[in-house]
Amino acid sequence: QLQLVESGGGLVQPGGSLRLSCAASGFNLDYYVIGWFRQAPGKEREGVSCISGSGGSTNYADSVKGRFTISRDNAKNTVYLQMNSLKPEDTAVYYCAAGAYRYPIITTFRAADFGSWGPGTQVTVSS
C-alpha cells in the first residue's frame, strides 16, 4: 500500500530554518513526482514546490523562491524540503503528495494531479 509520511515540522522563530522530510513506503519513489503543499487556517491549500522523479526538474511558488529548496534521495525513498528565512506567513500544515508523471505536471503543479497524500506536519513560525 502506497504511504507517505511527513516529519520535521515544529515551532521556529522568524528567520529560522526547518527541514521537512517525506518518507515513502509501499512503492518506489523514483517513478513519481513529489509535491509539497501547505494549508493555513482559513486559507486554501497552495502548492509550495515539486520535483520530478530524477530530481532534474523542480518548481517553486513565488512566495518561497530563494528561501525553500526541494530535493530527493531516491536511495532512501525520501524527499526533503529545506525551508530557510522562515516568515510568520509560512505557518501552515505542510503535506507531501505523489503523482504519476504526465507532462506538464511539474509546470502546472496542480493538487488534482497528485493522488497520494501524507497526513501532514505542522509548521509554526512565531516569536
Protein backbone atom coordinates (compact mmCIF):
# COMPACT_ATOMS: atom_id res chain seq x y z
CA GLN A 1 0.00 0.00 0.00
CA LEU A 2 1.36 3.36 -1.04
CA GLN A 3 2.02 5.56 2.01
CA LEU A 4 3.67 8.93 2.60
CA VAL A 5 4.61 10.32 5.99
CA GLU A 6 5.88 13.83 6.66
CA SER A 7 8.17 14.78 9.54
CA GLY A 8 10.32 17.68 10.67
CA GLY A 9 7.68 20.26 11.44
CA GLY A 10 7.67 22.32 14.60
CA LEU A 11 7.85 25.77 16.11
CA VAL A 12 10.56 28.11 14.84
CA GLN A 13 11.27 31.82 15.19
CA PRO A 14 11.06 34.15 12.19
CA GLY A 15 14.26 33.92 10.18
CA GLY A 16 14.85 30.36 11.31
CA SER A 17 15.06 27.12 9.33
CA LEU A 18 13.41 23.73 9.24
CA ARG A 19 13.87 20.69 7.04
CA LEU A 20 10.80 18.64 6.28
CA SER A 21 11.05 15.03 5.18
CA CYS A 22 8.58 12.97 3.20
CA ALA A 23 9.20 9.24 3.55
CA ALA A 24 7.51 6.81 1.18
CA SER A 25 6.67 3.17 1.75
CA GLY A 26 4.94 0.58 -0.36
CA PHE A 27 6.20 1.98 -3.65
CA ASN A 28 9.37 3.14 -5.38
CA LEU A 29 9.57 6.90 -5.22
CA ASP A 30 11.76 7.06 -8.33
CA TYR A 31 8.78 6.95 -10.67
CA TYR A 32 6.74 9.69 -9.05
CA VAL A 33 6.66 13.44 -9.00
CA ILE A 34 6.55 14.61 -5.38
CA GLY A 35 4.93 17.84 -4.37
CA TRP A 36 4.84 19.82 -1.15
CA PHE A 37 1.64 21.69 -0.40
CA ARG A 38 0.53 23.74 2.59
CA GLN A 39 -2.71 24.92 4.09
CA ALA A 40 -3.07 27.65 6.67
CA PRO A 41 -6.22 28.08 8.79
CA GLY A 42 -8.96 29.73 6.79
CA LYS A 43 -6.95 29.62 3.56
CA GLU A 44 -6.95 27.41 0.51
CA ARG A 45 -4.31 24.76 0.03
CA GLU A 46 -1.42 26.01 -2.08
CA GLY A 47 1.43 24.33 -3.86
CA VAL A 48 4.85 25.06 -2.40
CA SER A 49 7.26 23.06 -4.52
CA CYS A 50 7.51 19.90 -6.60
CA ILE A 51 10.27 17.74 -8.01
CA SER A 52 10.49 15.19 -10.80
CA GLY A 53 11.41 11.54 -10.26
CA SER A 54 15.02 12.13 -11.31
CA GLY A 55 15.27 15.39 -9.41
CA GLY A 56 16.17 17.21 -12.60
CA SER A 57 13.04 19.38 -12.73
CA THR A 58 11.61 21.47 -9.95
CA ASN A 59 9.03 24.18 -9.49
CA TYR A 60 8.51 26.65 -6.66
CA ALA A 61 5.75 29.00 -5.64
CA ASP A 62 6.81 32.64 -5.98
CA SER A 63 6.31 33.12 -2.25
CA VAL A 64 9.08 30.65 -1.38
CA LYS A 65 11.58 31.09 -4.24
CA GLY A 66 15.05 31.74 -2.92
CA ARG A 67 14.13 30.54 0.57
CA PHE A 68 12.99 26.92 0.12
CA THR A 69 14.83 24.09 -1.61
CA ILE A 70 13.32 20.75 -2.60
CA SER A 71 15.50 17.68 -3.04
CA ARG A 72 15.18 13.93 -3.07
CA ASP A 73 17.21 10.87 -2.12
CA ASN A 74 15.71 8.00 -4.05
CA ALA A 75 18.01 5.52 -2.31
CA LYS A 76 16.28 6.47 0.93
CA ASN A 77 12.88 6.82 -0.75
CA THR A 78 12.63 10.29 0.78
CA VAL A 79 12.01 13.83 -0.43
CA TYR A 80 13.08 16.88 1.54
CA LEU A 81 12.01 20.49 1.79
CA GLN A 82 14.67 22.77 3.26
CA MET A 83 13.00 25.93 4.49
CA ASN A 84 15.18 28.92 5.34
CA SER A 85 14.40 32.51 6.31
CA LEU A 86 11.01 31.43 7.56
CA LYS A 87 8.28 34.03 7.94
CA PRO A 88 5.10 34.01 10.04
CA GLU A 89 3.11 33.69 6.81
CA ASP A 90 4.78 30.29 6.23
CA THR A 91 2.79 28.92 9.17
CA ALA A 92 0.63 26.07 7.91
CA VAL A 93 0.18 22.33 7.81
CA TYR A 94 2.58 21.01 5.19
CA TYR A 95 1.67 17.96 3.12
CA CYS A 96 3.66 15.91 0.66
CA ALA A 97 1.95 14.14 -2.20
CA ALA A 98 2.89 11.79 -5.01
CA GLY A 99 1.74 11.99 -8.60
CA ALA A 100 2.45 9.88 -11.65
CA TYR A 101 4.46 11.80 -14.21
CA ARG A 102 2.40 13.26 -17.05
CA TYR A 103 3.57 16.32 -18.89
CA PRO A 104 3.19 19.14 -17.81
CA ILE A 105 2.62 18.17 -14.16
CA ILE A 106 5.77 19.98 -12.96
CA THR A 107 4.89 23.20 -14.76
CA THR A 108 1.19 23.33 -13.93
CA PHE A 109 1.68 21.99 -10.38
CA ARG A 110 -1.96 21.32 -9.52
CA ALA A 111 -3.06 19.43 -6.41
CA ALA A 112 -5.55 17.46 -8.51
CA ASP A 113 -2.66 15.74 -10.30
CA PHE A 114 -1.31 14.25 -7.05
CA GLY A 115 -3.23 11.18 -5.95
CA SER A 116 -1.49 10.04 -2.76
CA TRP A 117 -1.11 12.30 0.25
CA GLY A 118 0.54 12.17 3.64
CA PRO A 119 -1.23 13.22 6.86
CA GLY A 120 0.72 16.49 7.13
CA THR A 121 3.08 18.13 9.60
CA GLN A 122 2.52 21.44 11.38
CA VAL A 123 4.97 24.30 10.84
CA THR A 124 4.56 27.33 13.08
CA VAL A 125 6.71 30.42 12.64
CA SER A 126 6.35 32.73 15.60
CA SER A 127 8.40 34.69 18.08
